[in-house]
């Protein structure tokens, strides 16, 4: 049986939600982050090929990377609506957002996170200089790219209720991590009614509520 090795406040929530949405049998092994470093514990790092979350085991298989895991699981459920088949009217929309989650949104958020870490963990006066330089990087590249992504999301969610189209797909599930990370930073406090409605919509889904219950956290929040 497939086992999800679930690290708290991490991308592995995506896989947990996917499994609940499929009604798939699985075992859940939860891990807490190190209280000082906030990183995965050593036993988790030893298991994961990259030392990162998520990771699943299935017999002798050990597999990391969120979208690789999701594709692997969905291969066992070829009739599932969570991955529209070739020729489906929502296929292209699903594919775009499924890959934009990692290729565009999370990569840009990751750059911003690295810039922030360098700014906050570098001694003065170098930190002052870095803030000046990185401010330009954010102005020229990071912020415009994120603004364009969120504007496209708002537009697309005004046409159909989910990122994957008319129904929930794996595109919505893989976007849950970076979208909550963005919301926690106040990104969607104003001017994004369709995105706000998407959050309300997914939180009402029985599969999402079941995943939250298994996650056993007071609220949805992620460390990015």
N, C-alpha and C. Protein backbone atom coordinates (compact mmCIF):
# COMPACT_ATOMS: atom_id res chain seq x y z
N UNK A 1 0.84 -1.21 0.00
CA UNK A 1 0.00 0.00 0.00
C UNK A 1 0.88 1.25 0.00
N UNK A 2 0.41 2.27 -0.68
CA UNK A 2 1.15 3.53 -0.74
C UNK A 2 1.14 4.21 0.62
N UNK A 3 2.29 4.74 1.01
CA UNK A 3 2.42 5.49 2.25
C UNK A 3 2.83 6.91 1.94
N UNK A 4 2.08 7.87 2.45
CA UNK A 4 2.45 9.27 2.33
C UNK A 4 3.20 9.67 3.59
N UNK A 5 4.42 10.12 3.41
CA UNK A 5 5.23 10.63 4.52
C UNK A 5 5.00 12.14 4.56
N UNK A 6 4.21 12.54 5.52
CA UNK A 6 3.62 13.88 5.55
C UNK A 6 4.35 14.77 6.55
N UNK A 7 5.01 15.79 6.03
CA UNK A 7 5.68 16.78 6.86
C UNK A 7 4.74 17.94 7.12
N UNK A 8 4.64 18.37 8.37
CA UNK A 8 3.71 19.44 8.72
C UNK A 8 4.05 20.73 7.95
N UNK A 9 2.99 21.49 7.64
CA UNK A 9 3.11 22.78 6.96
C UNK A 9 3.91 22.68 5.66
N UNK A 10 3.68 21.68 4.89
CA UNK A 10 4.52 21.47 3.71
C UNK A 10 3.69 21.14 2.48
N UNK A 11 4.42 20.96 1.37
CA UNK A 11 3.79 20.63 0.11
C UNK A 11 3.10 19.26 0.13
N UNK A 12 3.41 18.43 1.10
CA UNK A 12 2.81 17.10 1.13
C UNK A 12 1.30 17.16 1.38
N UNK A 13 0.78 18.32 1.83
CA UNK A 13 -0.67 18.45 1.96
C UNK A 13 -1.36 18.22 0.63
N UNK A 14 -0.69 18.61 -0.46
CA UNK A 14 -1.27 18.40 -1.78
C UNK A 14 -1.57 16.92 -2.03
N UNK A 15 -0.62 16.08 -1.70
CA UNK A 15 -0.77 14.65 -1.94
C UNK A 15 -1.85 14.09 -1.02
N UNK A 16 -1.88 14.58 0.19
CA UNK A 16 -2.91 14.15 1.14
C UNK A 16 -4.30 14.48 0.60
N UNK A 17 -4.46 15.70 0.07
CA UNK A 17 -5.75 16.09 -0.50
C UNK A 17 -6.08 15.25 -1.73
N UNK A 18 -5.10 15.01 -2.59
CA UNK A 18 -5.34 14.18 -3.78
C UNK A 18 -5.84 12.80 -3.40
N UNK A 19 -5.19 12.18 -2.43
CA UNK A 19 -5.58 10.83 -2.01
C UNK A 19 -7.01 10.82 -1.46
N UNK A 20 -7.36 11.85 -0.71
CA UNK A 20 -8.72 11.93 -0.19
C UNK A 20 -9.72 12.18 -1.31
N UNK A 21 -9.35 13.00 -2.29
CA UNK A 21 -10.25 13.28 -3.41
C UNK A 21 -10.50 12.03 -4.25
N UNK A 22 -9.50 11.17 -4.34
CA UNK A 22 -9.64 9.93 -5.10
C UNK A 22 -10.34 8.83 -4.31
N UNK A 23 -10.39 8.99 -2.99
CA UNK A 23 -10.87 7.90 -2.14
C UNK A 23 -9.91 6.73 -2.17
N UNK A 24 -8.63 7.02 -2.33
CA UNK A 24 -7.62 5.98 -2.48
C UNK A 24 -7.19 5.42 -1.12
N UNK A 25 -6.87 4.14 -1.05
CA UNK A 25 -6.31 3.59 0.19
C UNK A 25 -4.86 4.05 0.36
N UNK A 26 -4.51 4.45 1.55
CA UNK A 26 -3.13 4.87 1.82
C UNK A 26 -2.87 4.84 3.31
N UNK A 27 -1.60 4.83 3.62
CA UNK A 27 -1.17 4.98 5.01
C UNK A 27 -0.54 6.35 5.16
N UNK A 28 -0.72 6.95 6.32
CA UNK A 28 -0.18 8.28 6.58
C UNK A 28 0.81 8.22 7.73
N UNK A 29 2.02 8.68 7.47
CA UNK A 29 3.02 8.80 8.52
C UNK A 29 3.41 10.26 8.62
N UNK A 30 3.14 10.87 9.75
CA UNK A 30 3.36 12.31 9.91
C UNK A 30 4.67 12.60 10.62
N UNK A 31 5.26 13.72 10.25
CA UNK A 31 6.53 14.16 10.81
C UNK A 31 6.41 15.64 11.20
N UNK A 32 7.02 15.99 12.32
CA UNK A 32 7.07 17.39 12.73
C UNK A 32 8.41 18.00 12.34
N UNK A 33 8.39 19.28 12.07
CA UNK A 33 9.62 19.99 11.73
C UNK A 33 10.50 20.15 12.97
N UNK A 34 11.80 20.30 12.73
CA UNK A 34 12.73 20.54 13.83
C UNK A 34 12.38 21.86 14.49
N UNK A 35 12.25 21.90 15.83
CA UNK A 35 11.77 23.12 16.49
C UNK A 35 12.69 24.33 16.35
N UNK A 36 13.97 24.11 16.10
CA UNK A 36 14.91 25.23 15.98
C UNK A 36 15.18 25.62 14.53
N UNK A 37 15.42 24.62 13.68
CA UNK A 37 15.76 24.93 12.29
C UNK A 37 14.53 25.06 11.40
N UNK A 38 13.40 24.52 11.84
CA UNK A 38 12.16 24.52 11.06
C UNK A 38 12.27 23.62 9.83
N UNK A 39 13.31 22.79 9.77
CA UNK A 39 13.51 21.89 8.64
C UNK A 39 12.93 20.52 8.96
N UNK A 40 12.90 19.66 7.94
CA UNK A 40 12.44 18.29 8.16
C UNK A 40 13.39 17.58 9.11
N UNK A 41 12.87 16.66 9.94
CA UNK A 41 13.74 15.91 10.85
C UNK A 41 14.65 14.96 10.08
N UNK A 42 15.68 14.48 10.76
CA UNK A 42 16.68 13.64 10.10
C UNK A 42 16.10 12.36 9.52
N UNK A 43 15.11 11.75 10.21
CA UNK A 43 14.55 10.51 9.69
C UNK A 43 13.76 10.75 8.41
N UNK A 44 13.20 11.93 8.26
CA UNK A 44 12.51 12.27 7.01
C UNK A 44 13.53 12.50 5.90
N UNK A 45 14.58 13.26 6.21
CA UNK A 45 15.60 13.54 5.20
C UNK A 45 16.26 12.25 4.71
N UNK A 46 16.42 11.30 5.61
CA UNK A 46 17.06 10.03 5.22
C UNK A 46 16.17 9.24 4.27
N UNK A 47 14.87 9.44 4.39
CA UNK A 47 13.93 8.71 3.54
C UNK A 47 13.81 9.33 2.16
N UNK A 48 13.71 10.65 2.11
CA UNK A 48 13.46 11.35 0.86
C UNK A 48 14.72 11.42 0.00
N UNK A 49 14.62 11.14 -1.28
CA UNK A 49 15.80 11.24 -2.15
C UNK A 49 16.42 12.63 -2.16
N UNK A 50 15.59 13.66 -1.93
CA UNK A 50 16.08 15.03 -1.93
C UNK A 50 16.08 15.66 -0.54
N UNK A 51 15.62 14.91 0.44
CA UNK A 51 15.51 15.47 1.78
C UNK A 51 14.41 16.49 1.90
N UNK A 52 13.44 16.47 0.97
CA UNK A 52 12.37 17.45 0.96
C UNK A 52 11.02 16.74 0.94
N UNK A 53 9.98 17.51 1.26
CA UNK A 53 8.61 17.01 1.22
C UNK A 53 7.95 17.49 -0.07
N UNK A 54 7.06 16.65 -0.64
CA UNK A 54 6.58 15.38 -0.13
C UNK A 54 7.41 14.20 -0.63
N UNK A 55 7.14 13.06 -0.02
CA UNK A 55 7.71 11.80 -0.48
C UNK A 55 6.70 10.70 -0.18
N UNK A 56 6.59 9.75 -1.11
CA UNK A 56 5.74 8.59 -0.89
C UNK A 56 6.58 7.33 -1.08
N UNK A 57 6.16 6.28 -0.42
CA UNK A 57 6.74 4.96 -0.66
C UNK A 57 5.61 4.02 -1.09
N UNK A 58 5.95 3.13 -2.01
CA UNK A 58 4.99 2.16 -2.50
C UNK A 58 5.76 0.89 -2.80
N UNK A 59 5.77 -0.03 -1.83
CA UNK A 59 6.66 -1.18 -1.95
C UNK A 59 8.10 -0.72 -1.87
N UNK A 60 8.89 -1.06 -2.88
CA UNK A 60 10.30 -0.65 -2.91
C UNK A 60 10.49 0.74 -3.50
N UNK A 61 9.44 1.31 -4.03
CA UNK A 61 9.54 2.63 -4.66
C UNK A 61 9.57 3.74 -3.62
N UNK A 62 10.50 4.67 -3.80
CA UNK A 62 10.52 5.91 -3.03
C UNK A 62 10.49 7.05 -4.04
N UNK A 63 9.46 7.89 -3.96
CA UNK A 63 9.26 8.91 -4.98
C UNK A 63 9.06 10.27 -4.33
N UNK A 64 9.80 11.26 -4.84
CA UNK A 64 9.67 12.64 -4.38
C UNK A 64 9.14 13.50 -5.53
N UNK A 65 8.97 14.80 -5.24
CA UNK A 65 8.46 15.80 -6.18
C UNK A 65 6.94 15.72 -6.30
N UNK A 66 6.29 16.82 -5.91
CA UNK A 66 4.83 16.84 -5.82
C UNK A 66 4.13 16.38 -7.08
N UNK A 67 4.44 17.00 -8.21
CA UNK A 67 3.69 16.67 -9.43
C UNK A 67 4.03 15.29 -9.95
N UNK A 68 5.26 14.82 -9.73
CA UNK A 68 5.61 13.44 -10.10
C UNK A 68 4.78 12.46 -9.29
N UNK A 69 4.65 12.73 -8.00
CA UNK A 69 3.85 11.87 -7.12
C UNK A 69 2.39 11.88 -7.56
N UNK A 70 1.88 13.07 -7.86
CA UNK A 70 0.48 13.17 -8.26
C UNK A 70 0.22 12.42 -9.56
N UNK A 71 1.12 12.55 -10.52
CA UNK A 71 0.96 11.81 -11.77
C UNK A 71 1.04 10.31 -11.53
N UNK A 72 1.95 9.90 -10.67
CA UNK A 72 2.10 8.47 -10.36
C UNK A 72 0.81 7.91 -9.75
N UNK A 73 0.23 8.65 -8.83
CA UNK A 73 -1.01 8.20 -8.19
C UNK A 73 -2.15 8.20 -9.20
N UNK A 74 -2.27 9.24 -9.99
CA UNK A 74 -3.36 9.35 -10.95
C UNK A 74 -3.26 8.29 -12.04
N UNK A 75 -2.06 7.78 -12.30
CA UNK A 75 -1.92 6.69 -13.28
C UNK A 75 -2.74 5.47 -12.88
N UNK A 76 -2.93 5.30 -11.57
CA UNK A 76 -3.71 4.16 -11.08
C UNK A 76 -5.21 4.41 -11.15
N UNK A 77 -5.61 5.64 -11.51
CA UNK A 77 -7.03 5.99 -11.58
C UNK A 77 -7.29 6.69 -12.92
N UNK A 78 -7.14 5.97 -14.02
CA UNK A 78 -7.23 6.61 -15.35
C UNK A 78 -8.60 7.20 -15.67
N UNK A 79 -9.63 6.79 -14.98
CA UNK A 79 -10.97 7.31 -15.24
C UNK A 79 -11.31 8.52 -14.36
N UNK A 80 -10.39 8.93 -13.53
CA UNK A 80 -10.67 10.02 -12.60
C UNK A 80 -10.83 11.35 -13.33
N UNK A 81 -11.76 12.17 -12.86
CA UNK A 81 -11.96 13.51 -13.41
C UNK A 81 -10.86 14.47 -12.97
N UNK A 82 -10.00 14.04 -12.07
CA UNK A 82 -8.96 14.93 -11.55
C UNK A 82 -7.83 15.17 -12.55
N UNK A 83 -7.80 14.41 -13.63
CA UNK A 83 -6.84 14.65 -14.70
C UNK A 83 -7.56 14.48 -16.03
N UNK A 84 -8.11 15.56 -16.59
CA UNK A 84 -8.86 15.47 -17.84
C UNK A 84 -8.03 14.80 -18.94
N UNK A 85 -8.65 13.88 -19.64
CA UNK A 85 -7.95 13.12 -20.67
C UNK A 85 -7.76 13.95 -21.93
N UNK A 86 -6.88 13.46 -22.79
CA UNK A 86 -6.67 14.12 -24.08
C UNK A 86 -7.99 14.24 -24.83
N UNK A 87 -8.24 15.42 -25.38
CA UNK A 87 -9.49 15.66 -26.08
C UNK A 87 -10.57 16.27 -25.22
N UNK A 88 -10.41 16.24 -23.89
CA UNK A 88 -11.39 16.86 -23.00
C UNK A 88 -11.33 18.38 -23.17
N UNK A 89 -12.46 19.04 -23.07
CA UNK A 89 -12.53 20.48 -23.29
C UNK A 89 -11.68 21.26 -22.29
N UNK A 90 -11.44 20.70 -21.11
CA UNK A 90 -10.66 21.40 -20.09
C UNK A 90 -9.21 20.90 -20.02
N UNK A 91 -8.82 20.06 -20.96
CA UNK A 91 -7.48 19.46 -20.90
C UNK A 91 -6.37 20.52 -20.91
N UNK A 92 -6.42 21.46 -21.85
CA UNK A 92 -5.35 22.46 -21.97
C UNK A 92 -5.30 23.37 -20.75
N UNK A 93 -6.48 23.77 -20.28
CA UNK A 93 -6.52 24.64 -19.08
C UNK A 93 -5.93 23.91 -17.89
N UNK A 94 -6.32 22.67 -17.70
CA UNK A 94 -5.77 21.87 -16.61
C UNK A 94 -4.25 21.76 -16.73
N UNK A 95 -3.75 21.42 -17.90
CA UNK A 95 -2.31 21.25 -18.08
C UNK A 95 -1.54 22.54 -17.79
N UNK A 96 -2.09 23.65 -18.26
CA UNK A 96 -1.40 24.93 -18.04
C UNK A 96 -1.23 25.22 -16.56
N UNK A 97 -2.32 25.14 -15.80
CA UNK A 97 -2.24 25.51 -14.39
C UNK A 97 -1.53 24.45 -13.56
N UNK A 98 -1.62 23.19 -13.98
CA UNK A 98 -0.91 22.13 -13.28
C UNK A 98 0.59 22.37 -13.33
N UNK A 99 1.08 22.82 -14.48
CA UNK A 99 2.52 23.05 -14.63
C UNK A 99 2.93 24.47 -14.24
N UNK A 100 2.03 25.42 -14.37
CA UNK A 100 2.35 26.79 -13.94
C UNK A 100 2.56 26.87 -12.44
N UNK A 101 1.89 26.00 -11.70
CA UNK A 101 2.04 25.99 -10.24
C UNK A 101 3.50 25.86 -9.84
N UNK A 102 4.20 24.91 -10.44
CA UNK A 102 5.60 24.68 -10.10
C UNK A 102 6.53 25.51 -10.97
N UNK A 103 6.24 25.56 -12.28
CA UNK A 103 7.17 26.18 -13.20
C UNK A 103 7.21 27.70 -13.13
N UNK A 104 6.09 28.34 -12.79
CA UNK A 104 6.03 29.80 -12.76
C UNK A 104 5.80 30.36 -11.36
N UNK A 105 4.73 29.90 -10.70
CA UNK A 105 4.37 30.50 -9.41
C UNK A 105 5.36 30.16 -8.32
N UNK A 106 5.61 28.87 -8.10
CA UNK A 106 6.49 28.50 -6.99
C UNK A 106 7.94 28.88 -7.26
N UNK A 107 8.36 28.85 -8.51
CA UNK A 107 9.74 29.25 -8.80
C UNK A 107 9.96 30.73 -8.49
N UNK A 108 8.97 31.57 -8.81
CA UNK A 108 9.09 32.99 -8.53
C UNK A 108 9.00 33.25 -7.03
N UNK A 109 8.08 32.56 -6.36
CA UNK A 109 8.01 32.69 -4.90
C UNK A 109 9.32 32.22 -4.25
N UNK A 110 9.92 31.18 -4.83
CA UNK A 110 11.18 30.68 -4.29
C UNK A 110 12.29 31.70 -4.40
N UNK A 111 12.35 32.41 -5.54
CA UNK A 111 13.34 33.47 -5.70
C UNK A 111 13.14 34.54 -4.64
N UNK A 112 11.90 34.92 -4.43
CA UNK A 112 11.59 35.95 -3.44
C UNK A 112 11.99 35.50 -2.04
N UNK A 113 11.77 34.22 -1.74
CA UNK A 113 12.14 33.69 -0.43
C UNK A 113 13.65 33.74 -0.22
N UNK A 114 14.41 33.37 -1.25
CA UNK A 114 15.87 33.40 -1.15
C UNK A 114 16.36 34.84 -0.94
N UNK A 115 15.78 35.78 -1.67
CA UNK A 115 16.16 37.18 -1.50
C UNK A 115 15.91 37.64 -0.07
N UNK A 116 14.77 37.26 0.47
CA UNK A 116 14.42 37.65 1.84
C UNK A 116 15.38 37.03 2.85
N UNK A 117 15.72 35.76 2.67
CA UNK A 117 16.66 35.10 3.57
C UNK A 117 18.02 35.78 3.55
N UNK A 118 18.48 36.14 2.37
CA UNK A 118 19.78 36.81 2.27
C UNK A 118 19.74 38.19 2.93
N UNK A 119 18.63 38.88 2.76
CA UNK A 119 18.49 40.21 3.37
C UNK A 119 18.49 40.14 4.90
N UNK A 120 17.78 39.16 5.43
CA UNK A 120 17.57 39.11 6.88
C UNK A 120 18.67 38.39 7.64
N UNK A 121 19.47 37.60 6.93
CA UNK A 121 20.49 36.82 7.63
C UNK A 121 21.92 37.27 7.32
N UNK A 122 22.04 38.39 6.63
CA UNK A 122 23.35 38.94 6.32
C UNK A 122 23.62 40.12 7.24
N UNK A 123 24.81 40.22 7.82
CA UNK A 123 25.12 41.31 8.75
C UNK A 123 25.06 42.68 8.07
N UNK A 124 24.74 43.68 8.86
CA UNK A 124 24.82 45.06 8.41
C UNK A 124 26.30 45.44 8.29
N UNK A 125 26.74 46.23 7.32
CA UNK A 125 25.95 47.02 6.36
C UNK A 125 25.67 46.29 5.04
N UNK A 126 26.15 45.05 4.92
CA UNK A 126 25.91 44.33 3.67
C UNK A 126 24.42 44.12 3.46
N UNK A 127 23.70 43.85 4.56
CA UNK A 127 22.26 43.62 4.44
C UNK A 127 21.55 44.85 3.88
N UNK A 128 22.01 46.03 4.26
CA UNK A 128 21.42 47.28 3.74
C UNK A 128 21.62 47.36 2.24
N UNK A 129 22.83 47.02 1.79
CA UNK A 129 23.12 47.06 0.36
C UNK A 129 22.29 46.02 -0.39
N UNK A 130 22.16 44.83 0.20
CA UNK A 130 21.37 43.78 -0.44
C UNK A 130 19.91 44.20 -0.59
N UNK A 131 19.36 44.84 0.42
CA UNK A 131 17.96 45.27 0.33
C UNK A 131 17.76 46.25 -0.82
N UNK A 132 18.76 47.11 -1.03
CA UNK A 132 18.68 48.05 -2.15
C UNK A 132 18.71 47.31 -3.49
N UNK A 133 19.64 46.38 -3.61
CA UNK A 133 19.78 45.62 -4.86
C UNK A 133 18.57 44.73 -5.09
N UNK A 134 18.18 43.98 -4.04
CA UNK A 134 17.08 43.04 -4.19
C UNK A 134 15.75 43.75 -4.39
N UNK A 135 15.65 44.98 -3.87
CA UNK A 135 14.44 45.75 -4.13
C UNK A 135 14.24 45.99 -5.62
N UNK A 136 15.35 46.21 -6.32
CA UNK A 136 15.28 46.39 -7.77
C UNK A 136 14.90 45.08 -8.46
N UNK A 137 15.44 43.96 -7.96
CA UNK A 137 15.10 42.66 -8.53
C UNK A 137 13.61 42.41 -8.39
N UNK A 138 13.06 42.74 -7.24
CA UNK A 138 11.63 42.56 -7.03
C UNK A 138 10.82 43.48 -7.95
N UNK A 139 11.27 44.73 -8.08
CA UNK A 139 10.55 45.70 -8.89
C UNK A 139 10.56 45.33 -10.37
N UNK A 140 11.71 44.85 -10.84
CA UNK A 140 11.89 44.57 -12.26
C UNK A 140 11.36 43.20 -12.66
N UNK A 141 11.54 42.20 -11.78
CA UNK A 141 11.21 40.83 -12.17
C UNK A 141 10.16 40.16 -11.30
N UNK A 142 10.41 40.06 -10.00
CA UNK A 142 9.56 39.22 -9.15
C UNK A 142 8.12 39.73 -9.10
N UNK A 143 7.93 40.98 -8.70
CA UNK A 143 6.58 41.49 -8.52
C UNK A 143 5.76 41.53 -9.82
N UNK A 144 6.35 42.00 -10.94
CA UNK A 144 5.56 41.96 -12.19
C UNK A 144 5.15 40.56 -12.61
N UNK A 145 6.03 39.58 -12.40
CA UNK A 145 5.71 38.21 -12.78
C UNK A 145 4.58 37.66 -11.92
N UNK A 146 4.65 37.92 -10.60
CA UNK A 146 3.58 37.46 -9.71
C UNK A 146 2.27 38.18 -10.02
N UNK A 147 2.36 39.48 -10.25
CA UNK A 147 1.15 40.25 -10.57
C UNK A 147 0.48 39.71 -11.83
N UNK A 148 1.29 39.36 -12.83
CA UNK A 148 0.72 38.83 -14.08
C UNK A 148 0.05 37.49 -13.85
N UNK A 149 0.68 36.64 -13.04
CA UNK A 149 0.10 35.34 -12.74
C UNK A 149 -1.23 35.48 -12.00
N UNK A 150 -1.25 36.33 -10.98
CA UNK A 150 -2.47 36.48 -10.19
C UNK A 150 -3.58 37.14 -11.01
N UNK A 151 -3.21 38.04 -11.90
CA UNK A 151 -4.22 38.65 -12.78
C UNK A 151 -4.83 37.61 -13.71
N UNK A 152 -3.99 36.72 -14.25
CA UNK A 152 -4.51 35.66 -15.12
C UNK A 152 -5.38 34.68 -14.34
N UNK A 153 -4.98 34.37 -13.11
CA UNK A 153 -5.80 33.52 -12.26
C UNK A 153 -7.18 34.14 -12.04
N UNK A 154 -7.17 35.42 -11.69
CA UNK A 154 -8.44 36.10 -11.43
C UNK A 154 -9.33 36.07 -12.67
N UNK A 155 -8.74 36.27 -13.83
CA UNK A 155 -9.49 36.24 -15.08
C UNK A 155 -10.06 34.85 -15.36
N UNK A 156 -9.20 33.83 -15.25
CA UNK A 156 -9.64 32.46 -15.55
C UNK A 156 -10.70 31.97 -14.58
N UNK A 157 -10.56 32.33 -13.30
CA UNK A 157 -11.54 31.89 -12.31
C UNK A 157 -12.85 32.66 -12.43
N UNK A 158 -12.86 33.72 -13.21
CA UNK A 158 -14.11 34.40 -13.52
C UNK A 158 -14.89 33.70 -14.63
N UNK A 159 -14.19 32.80 -15.36
CA UNK A 159 -14.82 32.07 -16.45
C UNK A 159 -15.30 30.68 -16.02
N UNK A 160 -14.50 30.03 -15.19
CA UNK A 160 -14.85 28.70 -14.68
C UNK A 160 -14.44 28.63 -13.21
N UNK A 161 -15.11 27.80 -12.42
CA UNK A 161 -14.94 27.85 -10.97
C UNK A 161 -13.62 27.30 -10.44
N UNK A 162 -12.96 26.45 -11.23
CA UNK A 162 -11.72 25.84 -10.76
C UNK A 162 -10.59 26.10 -11.75
N UNK A 163 -9.37 25.99 -11.27
CA UNK A 163 -8.23 26.16 -12.17
C UNK A 163 -8.25 25.11 -13.27
N UNK A 164 -8.73 23.92 -12.94
CA UNK A 164 -8.79 22.86 -13.93
C UNK A 164 -9.99 22.92 -14.83
N UNK A 165 -10.88 23.89 -14.63
CA UNK A 165 -12.06 24.02 -15.48
C UNK A 165 -13.34 24.02 -14.68
N UNK A 166 -14.33 23.29 -15.17
CA UNK A 166 -15.63 23.27 -14.53
C UNK A 166 -15.61 22.49 -13.23
N UNK A 167 -14.68 21.52 -13.12
CA UNK A 167 -14.60 20.69 -11.93
C UNK A 167 -13.20 20.73 -11.34
N UNK A 168 -13.10 20.33 -10.11
CA UNK A 168 -11.81 20.22 -9.44
C UNK A 168 -10.91 19.27 -10.22
N UNK A 169 -9.64 19.66 -10.40
CA UNK A 169 -8.65 18.76 -10.98
C UNK A 169 -7.37 18.85 -10.16
N UNK A 170 -6.39 18.06 -10.57
CA UNK A 170 -5.09 18.09 -9.90
C UNK A 170 -4.42 19.45 -10.03
N UNK A 171 -4.84 20.26 -10.99
CA UNK A 171 -4.29 21.62 -11.11
C UNK A 171 -4.62 22.43 -9.86
N UNK A 172 -5.86 22.34 -9.40
CA UNK A 172 -6.26 23.04 -8.17
C UNK A 172 -5.49 22.49 -6.98
N UNK A 173 -5.32 21.19 -6.95
CA UNK A 173 -4.68 20.55 -5.80
C UNK A 173 -3.21 20.93 -5.72
N UNK A 174 -2.52 20.99 -6.86
CA UNK A 174 -1.10 21.35 -6.79
C UNK A 174 -0.91 22.83 -6.52
N UNK A 175 -1.91 23.65 -6.87
CA UNK A 175 -1.82 25.09 -6.61
C UNK A 175 -2.12 25.44 -5.16
N UNK A 176 -2.66 24.52 -4.39
CA UNK A 176 -3.09 24.86 -3.04
C UNK A 176 -1.93 25.36 -2.18
N UNK A 177 -0.75 24.79 -2.35
CA UNK A 177 0.39 25.20 -1.52
C UNK A 177 0.83 26.63 -1.81
N UNK A 178 1.18 26.97 -3.06
CA UNK A 178 1.63 28.34 -3.29
C UNK A 178 0.52 29.37 -3.12
N UNK A 179 -0.73 28.99 -3.35
CA UNK A 179 -1.81 29.95 -3.19
C UNK A 179 -2.05 30.30 -1.73
N UNK A 180 -1.99 29.31 -0.84
CA UNK A 180 -2.13 29.62 0.58
C UNK A 180 -0.92 30.38 1.10
N UNK A 181 0.26 30.07 0.57
CA UNK A 181 1.45 30.82 0.97
C UNK A 181 1.30 32.28 0.57
N UNK A 182 0.75 32.53 -0.61
CA UNK A 182 0.53 33.91 -1.06
C UNK A 182 -0.55 34.58 -0.22
N UNK A 183 -1.62 33.85 0.07
CA UNK A 183 -2.70 34.45 0.87
C UNK A 183 -2.23 34.83 2.26
N UNK A 184 -1.38 33.99 2.85
CA UNK A 184 -0.87 34.29 4.19
C UNK A 184 -0.04 35.57 4.22
N UNK A 185 0.49 35.96 3.06
CA UNK A 185 1.26 37.21 2.97
C UNK A 185 0.38 38.41 2.65
N UNK A 186 -0.93 38.21 2.58
CA UNK A 186 -1.85 39.30 2.33
C UNK A 186 -2.05 39.64 0.86
N UNK A 187 -1.61 38.77 -0.03
CA UNK A 187 -1.68 39.05 -1.47
C UNK A 187 -3.10 39.27 -1.95
N UNK A 188 -4.04 38.52 -1.42
CA UNK A 188 -5.40 38.54 -1.96
C UNK A 188 -6.38 39.29 -1.04
N UNK A 189 -5.85 40.22 -0.25
CA UNK A 189 -6.72 40.96 0.67
C UNK A 189 -7.72 41.84 -0.08
N UNK A 190 -7.37 42.26 -1.29
CA UNK A 190 -8.26 43.13 -2.06
C UNK A 190 -8.09 42.85 -3.55
N UNK A 191 -9.15 43.15 -4.30
CA UNK A 191 -9.11 43.14 -5.77
C UNK A 191 -9.01 41.76 -6.41
N UNK A 192 -9.23 40.71 -5.66
CA UNK A 192 -9.20 39.37 -6.23
C UNK A 192 -10.42 38.57 -5.79
N UNK A 193 -11.63 39.03 -6.14
CA UNK A 193 -12.84 38.34 -5.67
C UNK A 193 -12.97 36.92 -6.20
N UNK A 194 -12.53 36.67 -7.42
CA UNK A 194 -12.65 35.32 -7.97
C UNK A 194 -11.69 34.35 -7.30
N UNK A 195 -10.49 34.82 -6.99
CA UNK A 195 -9.55 33.98 -6.25
C UNK A 195 -10.07 33.72 -4.84
N UNK A 196 -10.61 34.75 -4.21
CA UNK A 196 -11.17 34.57 -2.86
C UNK A 196 -12.32 33.56 -2.88
N UNK A 197 -13.13 33.60 -3.93
CA UNK A 197 -14.24 32.64 -4.06
C UNK A 197 -13.70 31.23 -4.27
N UNK A 198 -12.57 31.11 -4.96
CA UNK A 198 -11.95 29.78 -5.15
C UNK A 198 -11.54 29.19 -3.80
N UNK A 199 -10.93 30.00 -2.94
CA UNK A 199 -10.57 29.51 -1.62
C UNK A 199 -11.81 29.01 -0.87
N UNK A 200 -12.86 29.78 -0.90
CA UNK A 200 -14.10 29.39 -0.23
C UNK A 200 -14.65 28.09 -0.82
N UNK A 201 -14.56 27.98 -2.13
CA UNK A 201 -15.09 26.81 -2.84
C UNK A 201 -14.34 25.54 -2.47
N UNK A 202 -13.01 25.59 -2.48
CA UNK A 202 -12.26 24.36 -2.19
C UNK A 202 -12.38 23.98 -0.72
N UNK A 203 -12.47 24.97 0.15
CA UNK A 203 -12.56 24.68 1.58
C UNK A 203 -13.88 24.01 1.95
N UNK A 204 -14.87 24.13 1.08
CA UNK A 204 -16.18 23.49 1.32
C UNK A 204 -16.24 22.07 0.78
N UNK A 205 -15.21 21.66 0.02
CA UNK A 205 -15.22 20.32 -0.56
C UNK A 205 -15.00 19.26 0.52
N UNK A 206 -15.77 18.17 0.50
CA UNK A 206 -15.56 17.11 1.50
C UNK A 206 -14.14 16.55 1.49
N UNK A 207 -13.53 16.45 0.31
CA UNK A 207 -12.17 15.90 0.23
C UNK A 207 -11.17 16.84 0.90
N UNK A 208 -11.37 18.14 0.73
CA UNK A 208 -10.48 19.11 1.36
C UNK A 208 -10.64 19.07 2.88
N UNK A 209 -11.88 19.01 3.32
CA UNK A 209 -12.13 18.95 4.76
C UNK A 209 -11.56 17.67 5.36
N UNK A 210 -11.65 16.56 4.62
CA UNK A 210 -11.09 15.30 5.10
C UNK A 210 -9.58 15.38 5.20
N UNK A 211 -8.95 16.02 4.21
CA UNK A 211 -7.49 16.18 4.25
C UNK A 211 -7.07 17.05 5.42
N UNK A 212 -7.81 18.10 5.68
CA UNK A 212 -7.51 18.96 6.83
C UNK A 212 -7.62 18.18 8.13
N UNK A 213 -8.63 17.33 8.21
CA UNK A 213 -8.81 16.54 9.42
C UNK A 213 -7.65 15.57 9.62
N UNK A 214 -7.18 14.95 8.54
CA UNK A 214 -6.03 14.06 8.64
C UNK A 214 -4.75 14.82 8.95
N UNK A 215 -4.66 16.03 8.42
CA UNK A 215 -3.50 16.89 8.67
C UNK A 215 -3.44 17.33 10.14
N UNK A 216 -4.63 17.47 10.74
CA UNK A 216 -4.74 17.76 12.16
C UNK A 216 -4.10 19.09 12.55
N UNK A 217 -4.38 20.14 11.75
CA UNK A 217 -3.90 21.48 12.05
C UNK A 217 -5.09 22.40 12.25
N UNK A 218 -4.90 23.44 13.06
CA UNK A 218 -5.98 24.37 13.33
C UNK A 218 -6.38 25.17 12.10
N UNK A 219 -5.40 25.46 11.25
CA UNK A 219 -5.68 26.25 10.05
C UNK A 219 -4.71 25.84 8.96
N UNK A 220 -5.08 26.17 7.73
CA UNK A 220 -4.21 25.88 6.61
C UNK A 220 -3.15 26.96 6.51
N UNK A 221 -1.92 26.62 6.68
CA UNK A 221 -0.81 27.54 6.50
C UNK A 221 0.40 26.75 6.06
N UNK A 222 1.26 27.38 5.30
CA UNK A 222 2.42 26.67 4.77
C UNK A 222 3.67 27.50 4.97
N UNK A 223 4.79 26.83 5.11
CA UNK A 223 6.09 27.48 5.28
C UNK A 223 6.73 27.61 3.90
N UNK A 224 6.93 28.85 3.46
CA UNK A 224 7.57 29.06 2.16
C UNK A 224 8.66 30.10 2.33
